[in-house]
C-alpha atoms as a PDB file:
ATOM      1  CA  MET A   1      98.218 102.994  82.223  1.00  0.00           C
ATOM      2  CA  ASP A   2      97.331 100.166  84.626  1.00  0.00           C
ATOM      3  CA  ASN A   3      98.029 101.766  87.989  1.00  0.00           C
ATOM      4  CA  VAL A   4      97.358  98.566  89.944  1.00  0.00           C
ATOM      5  CA  LYS A   5      99.910  96.751  87.790  1.00  0.00           C
ATOM      6  CA  LEU A   6     102.445  99.497  88.408  1.00  0.00           C
ATOM      7  CA  ALA A   7     101.806  99.302  92.145  1.00  0.00           C
ATOM      8  CA  LEU A   8     102.338  95.533  92.195  1.00  0.00           C
ATOM      9  CA  LEU A   9     105.490  95.831  90.099  1.00  0.00           C
ATOM     10  CA  THR A  10     106.826  98.469  92.501  1.00  0.00           C
ATOM     11  CA  VAL A  11     106.597  96.024  95.391  1.00  0.00           C
ATOM     12  CA  PHE A  12     107.670  92.840  93.602  1.00  0.00           C
ATOM     13  CA  HIS A  13     109.707  93.897  90.555  1.00  0.00           C
ATOM     14  CA  PRO A  14     110.472  97.643  90.625  1.00  0.00           C
ATOM     15  CA  SER A  15     112.828  97.635  87.635  1.00  0.00           C
ATOM     16  CA  ASP A  16     109.943  96.550  85.405  1.00  0.00           C
ATOM     17  CA  MET A  17     107.815  99.384  86.802  1.00  0.00           C
ATOM     18  CA  PHE A  18     110.498 101.952  85.951  1.00  0.00           C
ATOM     19  CA  LEU A  19     110.881 100.637  82.407  1.00  0.00           C
ATOM     20  CA  LEU A  20     107.118 100.437  81.868  1.00  0.00           C
ATOM     21  CA  VAL A  21     106.643 104.079  82.862  1.00  0.00           C
ATOM     22  CA  LYS A  22     109.521 105.042  80.588  1.00  0.00           C
ATOM     23  CA  ARG A  23     108.174 103.114  77.604  1.00  0.00           C
ATOM     24  CA  ARG A  24     104.661 104.505  78.063  1.00  0.00           C
ATOM     25  CA  ARG A  25     105.613 108.066  78.923  1.00  0.00           C
ATOM     26  CA  SER A  26     102.832 109.479  76.743  1.00  0.00           C
ATOM     27  CA  LYS A  27     100.278 107.840  79.070  1.00  0.00           C
ATOM     28  CA  VAL A  28     101.661 109.306  82.285  1.00  0.00           C
ATOM     29  CA  ARG A  29      98.898 111.256  84.042  1.00  0.00           C
ATOM     30  CA  PRO A  30      98.905 113.521  87.114  1.00  0.00           C
ATOM     31  CA  LEU A  31      95.934 111.818  88.818  1.00  0.00           C
ATOM     32  CA  PRO A  32      97.885 108.768  90.123  1.00  0.00           C
ATOM     33  CA  VAL A  33     100.585 111.094  91.439  1.00  0.00           C
ATOM     34  CA  LEU A  34      98.033 113.174  93.343  1.00  0.00           C
ATOM     35  CA  LEU A  35      96.307 110.032  94.623  1.00  0.00           C
ATOM     36  CA  LEU A  36      99.558 108.544  95.914  1.00  0.00           C
ATOM     37  CA  LEU A  37     100.530 111.826  97.583  1.00  0.00           C
ATOM     38  CA  THR A  38      97.107 111.955  99.254  1.00  0.00           C
ATOM     39  CA  LEU A  39      97.438 108.357 100.444  1.00  0.00           C
ATOM     40  CA  PHE A  40     100.962 109.096 101.672  1.00  0.00           C
ATOM     41  CA  LEU A  41      99.660 111.899 103.880  1.00  0.00           C
ATOM     42  CA  ALA A  42      96.501 110.053 104.934  1.00  0.00           C
ATOM     43  CA  VAL A  43      98.520 107.043 106.091  1.00  0.00           C
ATOM     44  CA  ARG A  44     100.820 109.278 108.130  1.00  0.00           C
ATOM     45  CA  PHE A  45      97.879 111.069 109.748  1.00  0.00           C
ATOM     46  CA  ALA A  46      96.165 107.762 110.518  1.00  0.00           C
ATOM     47  CA  ALA A  47      99.368 106.334 111.995  1.00  0.00           C
ATOM     48  CA  ILE A  48      99.606 109.255 114.430  1.00  0.00           C
ATOM     49  CA  TYR A  49      96.216 108.359 115.904  1.00  0.00           C
ATOM     50  CA  ILE A  50      96.422 104.545 115.923  1.00  0.00           C
ATOM     51  CA  THR A  51     100.019 103.982 117.062  1.00  0.00           C
ATOM     52  CA  HIS A  52     100.355 102.809 120.658  1.00  0.00           C
ATOM     53  CA  PHE A  53     101.151 106.015 122.547  1.00  0.00           C
ATOM     54  CA  PRO A  54     104.343 104.790 124.340  1.00  0.00           C
ATOM     55  CA  LEU A  55     105.850 103.993 120.921  1.00  0.00           C
ATOM     56  CA  ALA A  56     104.536 106.993 118.997  1.00  0.00           C
ATOM     57  CA  ASP A  57     106.950 109.661 117.810  1.00  0.00           C
ATOM     58  CA  VAL A  58     104.129 112.229 117.860  1.00  0.00           C
ATOM     59  CA  GLN A  59     101.331 112.251 120.427  1.00  0.00           C
ATOM     60  CA  PRO A  60      97.860 112.800 118.888  1.00  0.00           C
ATOM     61  CA  ASP A  61      96.990 115.711 121.209  1.00  0.00           C
ATOM     62  CA  LYS A  62     100.200 117.488 120.193  1.00  0.00           C
ATOM     63  CA  ALA A  63     100.103 116.696 116.482  1.00  0.00           C
ATOM     64  CA  ASN A  64     100.327 119.625 114.083  1.00  0.00           C
ATOM     65  CA  LEU A  65      98.930 118.308 110.814  1.00  0.00           C
ATOM     66  CA  LEU A  66     100.266 121.262 108.830  1.00  0.00           C
ATOM     67  CA  LEU A  67     103.775 120.613 110.146  1.00  0.00           C
ATOM     68  CA  GLU A  68     103.403 116.877 109.504  1.00  0.00           C
ATOM     69  CA  THR A  69     102.341 117.629 105.932  1.00  0.00           C
ATOM     70  CA  ALA A  70     105.472 119.710 105.399  1.00  0.00           C
ATOM     71  CA  ILE A  71     107.699 117.049 106.992  1.00  0.00           C
ATOM     72  CA  MET A  72     106.272 114.389 104.673  1.00  0.00           C
ATOM     73  CA  LEU A  73     106.084 116.321 101.410  1.00  0.00           C
ATOM     74  CA  VAL A  74     109.131 118.605 101.449  1.00  0.00           C
ATOM     75  CA  PRO A  75     111.785 115.837 101.276  1.00  0.00           C
ATOM     76  CA  ILE A  76     110.217 113.870  98.410  1.00  0.00           C
ATOM     77  CA  LEU A  77     109.272 116.969  96.391  1.00  0.00           C
ATOM     78  CA  THR A  78     112.661 118.652  96.781  1.00  0.00           C
ATOM     79  CA  TRP A  79     114.378 115.343  95.987  1.00  0.00           C
ATOM     80  CA  THR A  80     112.379 115.101  92.767  1.00  0.00           C
ATOM     81  CA  LEU A  81     113.172 118.681  91.804  1.00  0.00           C
ATOM     82  CA  SER A  82     116.864 118.315  92.646  1.00  0.00           C
ATOM     83  CA  ILE A  83     117.343 115.014  90.796  1.00  0.00           C
ATOM     84  CA  TYR A  84     115.483 116.259  87.727  1.00  0.00           C
ATOM     85  CA  ALA A  85     117.630 119.391  87.543  1.00  0.00           C
ATOM     86  CA  ILE A  86     120.856 117.410  87.918  1.00  0.00           C
ATOM     87  CA  THR A  87     119.936 114.649  85.452  1.00  0.00           C
ATOM     88  CA  ALA A  88     118.801 117.254  82.924  1.00  0.00           C
ATOM     89  CA  ILE A  89     122.287 118.741  83.081  1.00  0.00           C
ATOM     90  CA  MET A  90     124.060 115.381  83.212  1.00  0.00           C
ATOM     91  CA  GLY A  91     122.415 113.839  80.155  1.00  0.00           C
ATOM     92  CA  GLY A  92     119.489 112.135  81.862  1.00  0.00           C
ATOM     93  CA  GLU A  93     116.760 110.484  79.809  1.00  0.00           C
ATOM     94  CA  MET A  94     113.649 110.954  81.942  1.00  0.00           C
ATOM     95  CA  THR A  95     111.076 113.726  81.881  1.00  0.00           C
ATOM     96  CA  PHE A  96     109.867 115.488  85.005  1.00  0.00           C
ATOM     97  CA  SER A  97     106.465 113.787  84.811  1.00  0.00           C
ATOM     98  CA  GLU A  98     108.103 110.356  84.589  1.00  0.00           C
ATOM     99  CA  LEU A  99     110.348 111.103  87.545  1.00  0.00           C
ATOM    100  CA  MET A 100     107.476 112.430  89.619  1.00  0.00           C
ATOM    101  CA  THR A 101     105.388 109.368  88.788  1.00  0.00           C
ATOM    102  CA  VAL A 102     108.020 106.772  89.665  1.00  0.00           C
ATOM    103  CA  ASN A 103     109.014 108.636  92.828  1.00  0.00           C
ATOM    104  CA  MET A 104     105.420 108.562  94.042  1.00  0.00           C
ATOM    105  CA  TYR A 105     105.236 104.829  93.390  1.00  0.00           C
ATOM    106  CA  CYS A 106     108.467 104.467  95.350  1.00  0.00           C
ATOM    107  CA  LEU A 107     106.504 105.615  98.421  1.00  0.00           C
ATOM    108  CA  LEU A 108     104.294 102.508  98.289  1.00  0.00           C
ATOM    109  CA  PRO A 109     106.217 100.589 100.996  1.00  0.00           C
ATOM    110  CA  PHE A 110     105.297 103.372 103.432  1.00  0.00           C
ATOM    111  CA  ILE A 111     101.709 103.545 102.182  1.00  0.00           C
ATOM    112  CA  VAL A 112     101.161  99.776 102.320  1.00  0.00           C
ATOM    113  CA  PHE A 113     102.951  98.821 105.524  1.00  0.00           C
ATOM    114  CA  THR A 114     102.656 101.815 107.882  1.00  0.00           C
ATOM    115  CA  ILE A 115      99.090 101.066 109.005  1.00  0.00           C
ATOM    116  CA  PRO A 116      99.805  97.360 109.756  1.00  0.00           C
ATOM    117  CA  ILE A 117     102.959  98.351 111.664  1.00  0.00           C
ATOM    118  CA  SER A 118     101.007 100.966 113.621  1.00  0.00           C
ATOM    119  CA  LEU A 119      98.315  98.415 114.487  1.00  0.00           C
ATOM    120  CA  LEU A 120     101.022  95.957 115.536  1.00  0.00           C
ATOM    121  CA  SER A 121     102.376  98.571 117.942  1.00  0.00           C
ATOM    122  CA  ASN A 122      99.213  98.193 120.035  1.00  0.00           C
ATOM    123  CA  ILE A 123     100.260  94.710 121.124  1.00  0.00           C
ATOM    124  CA  LEU A 124     103.884  95.678 121.743  1.00  0.00           C
ATOM    125  CA  SER A 125     105.356  96.949 124.982  1.00  0.00           C
ATOM    126  CA  THR A 126     108.012  99.606 125.320  1.00  0.00           C
ATOM    127  CA  SER A 127     110.610  96.870 125.770  1.00  0.00           C
ATOM    128  CA  GLU A 128     109.740  95.697 122.245  1.00  0.00           C
ATOM    129  CA  SER A 129     110.070  99.127 120.696  1.00  0.00           C
ATOM    130  CA  ALA A 130     113.134  97.956 118.744  1.00  0.00           C
ATOM    131  CA  LEU A 131     110.875  95.760 116.601  1.00  0.00           C
ATOM    132  CA  TYR A 132     108.537  98.679 115.855  1.00  0.00           C
ATOM    133  CA  THR A 133     111.447 101.009 115.064  1.00  0.00           C
ATOM    134  CA  GLY A 134     113.141  98.336 112.976  1.00  0.00           C
ATOM    135  CA  LEU A 135     110.072  97.777 110.803  1.00  0.00           C
ATOM    136  CA  HIS A 136     109.771 101.500 110.120  1.00  0.00           C
ATOM    137  CA  THR A 137     113.489 101.657 109.341  1.00  0.00           C
ATOM    138  CA  VAL A 138     113.101  98.820 106.833  1.00  0.00           C
ATOM    139  CA  CYS A 139     110.343 100.796 105.067  1.00  0.00           C
ATOM    140  CA  ILE A 140     112.523 103.906 104.883  1.00  0.00           C
ATOM    141  CA  ILE A 141     115.518 101.958 103.566  1.00  0.00           C
ATOM    142  CA  TRP A 142     113.250 100.237 101.034  1.00  0.00           C
ATOM    143  CA  ILE A 143     112.022 103.615  99.771  1.00  0.00           C
ATOM    144  CA  CYS A 144     115.587 104.958  99.528  1.00  0.00           C
ATOM    145  CA  VAL A 145     116.693 101.903  97.548  1.00  0.00           C
ATOM    146  CA  LEU A 146     113.732 102.337  95.188  1.00  0.00           C
ATOM    147  CA  LEU A 147     114.529 106.016  94.673  1.00  0.00           C
ATOM    148  CA  PHE A 148     118.150 105.155  93.897  1.00  0.00           C
ATOM    149  CA  ALA A 149     117.075 102.375  91.511  1.00  0.00           C
ATOM    150  CA  ALA A 150     114.732 104.819  89.764  1.00  0.00           C
ATOM    151  CA  VAL A 151     117.608 107.223  89.089  1.00  0.00           C
ATOM    152  CA  LYS A 152     119.801 104.409  87.781  1.00  0.00           C
ATOM    153  CA  THR A 153     117.205 102.602  85.657  1.00  0.00           C
ATOM    154  CA  MET A 154     115.316 105.564  84.223  1.00  0.00           C
ATOM    155  CA  ASN A 155     118.524 107.185  82.984  1.00  0.00           C
ATOM    156  CA  ASN A 156     120.510 104.065  82.029  1.00  0.00           C
ATOM    157  CA  TYR A 157     123.297 105.087  84.399  1.00  0.00           C
ATOM    158  CA  SER A 158     125.990 102.730  85.607  1.00  0.00           C
ATOM    159  CA  PHE A 159     126.001 101.976  89.328  1.00  0.00           C
ATOM    160  CA  SER A 160     128.884 104.366  90.018  1.00  0.00           C
ATOM    161  CA  SER A 161     127.272 107.149  87.986  1.00  0.00           C
ATOM    162  CA  ALA A 162     123.975 106.640  89.815  1.00  0.00           C
ATOM    163  CA  VAL A 163     125.777 106.894  93.159  1.00  0.00           C
ATOM    164  CA  GLY A 164     127.383 110.167  92.095  1.00  0.00           C
ATOM    165  CA  ILE A 165     124.100 111.601  90.811  1.00  0.00           C
ATOM    166  CA  THR A 166     122.354 110.541  94.015  1.00  0.00           C
ATOM    167  CA  ALA A 167     124.997 112.293  96.106  1.00  0.00           C
ATOM    168  CA  LEU A 168     124.594 115.443  94.014  1.00  0.00           C
ATOM    169  CA  GLY A 169     120.822 115.133  94.425  1.00  0.00           C
ATOM    170  CA  ILE A 170     121.179 115.117  98.206  1.00  0.00           C
ATOM    171  CA  VAL A 171     123.427 118.192  98.031  1.00  0.00           C
ATOM    172  CA  GLY A 172     120.879 119.838  95.744  1.00  0.00           C
ATOM    173  CA  MET A 173     118.113 119.125  98.270  1.00  0.00           C
ATOM    174  CA  LEU A 174     120.121 120.770 101.028  1.00  0.00           C
ATOM    175  CA  LEU A 175     120.820 123.798  98.830  1.00  0.00           C
ATOM    176  CA  ILE A 176     117.108 124.148  98.017  1.00  0.00           C
ATOM    177  CA  TRP A 177     116.249 124.031 101.709  1.00  0.00           C
ATOM    178  CA  CYS A 178     118.947 126.603 102.527  1.00  0.00           C
ATOM    179  CA  VAL A 179     117.731 128.967  99.793  1.00  0.00           C
ATOM    180  CA  VAL A 180     114.102 128.649 100.895  1.00  0.00           C
ATOM    181  CA  ILE A 181     114.996 129.230 104.546  1.00  0.00           C
ATOM    182  CA  LEU A 182     117.158 132.218 103.617  1.00  0.00           C
ATOM    183  CA  LEU A 183     114.370 133.719 101.502  1.00  0.00           C
ATOM    184  CA  ALA A 184     111.896 133.169 104.330  1.00  0.00           C
ATOM    185  CA  ILE A 185     114.190 134.924 106.813  1.00  0.00           C
ATOM    186  CA  LEU A 186     114.825 137.839 104.439  1.00  0.00           C
ATOM    187  CA  THR A 187     111.096 138.153 103.719  1.00  0.00           C
ATOM    188  CA  LEU A 188     110.304 138.169 107.436  1.00  0.00           C
ATOM    189  CA  GLN A 189     112.954 140.805 108.090  1.00  0.00           C
ATOM    190  CA  PHE A 190     111.623 142.907 105.198  1.00  0.00           C
ATOM    191  CA  PHE A 191     108.092 142.856 106.611  1.00  0.00           C
ATOM    192  CA  CYS A 192     109.420 143.662 110.081  1.00  0.00           C
ATOM    193  CA  PHE A 193     111.268 146.624 108.553  1.00  0.00           C
ATOM    194  CA  LEU A 194     108.080 147.817 106.838  1.00  0.00           C
ATOM    195  CA  GLN A 195     106.166 147.384 110.087  1.00  0.00           C
ATOM    196  CA  SER A 196     108.699 149.480 111.975  1.00  0.00           C
ATOM    197  CA  LEU A 197     108.547 152.186 109.300  1.00  0.00           C
ATOM    198  CA  TRP A 198     104.758 152.231 109.488  1.00  0.00           C
ATOM    199  CA  LEU A 199     104.916 152.428 113.287  1.00  0.00           C
ATOM    200  CA  GLU A 200     107.329 155.378 113.156  1.00  0.00           C
ATOM    201  CA  PHE A 201     105.185 157.083 110.537  1.00  0.00           C
ATOM    202  CA  SER A 202     102.051 156.591 112.661  1.00  0.00           C
ATOM    203  CA  ILE A 203     103.760 157.983 115.741  1.00  0.00           C
ATOM    204  CA  SER A 204     105.111 161.001 113.848  1.00  0.00           C
ATOM    205  CA  THR A 205     101.668 161.865 112.437  1.00  0.00           C
ATOM    206  CA  LEU A 206     100.157 161.786 115.910  1.00  0.00           C
ATOM    207  CA  LYS A 207     102.604 164.342 117.292  1.00  0.00           C
END
């Protein structure tokens, strides 16, 4: 599959990109997905270090790249998982690989425009921060619109059905996060319990 063509279609005519991926589903490969995810993270990391420090949301000396990775990847991955599960139940027509592929291409506005916006920040003052924030907001809205259009187009949903599925997808994301956080807390408490048992056992053997 021509990945450059798909990238250009994503920016200029996303509906054609969705339909092309759907028609050529047998040619969907994981490599472009991994490449786009890598670029997504690399652009974010680069932006941290080249954004003018008065406008930066994260200062380079305080940046935690592991945390930034989680902040960037968790939303898009849980969104993909949630939407796939819901559309599979609700008569959706796309496979998981198709959904993952189109969702990664939907991140292209961030990948393409974040570095130029970050470079632009170096000639902006704090009084012009609204322009910098506005450009980033446009990228985020653009990505959200693309993700919504992907759900609608890939599954042949009506607009109202796509809105409902999208709302359920957001609820599904929140449920996934709640379950993961709950499991993490229970796991931590379990290990703390084991640690306390081991400590009591060690103390009792020393007496």
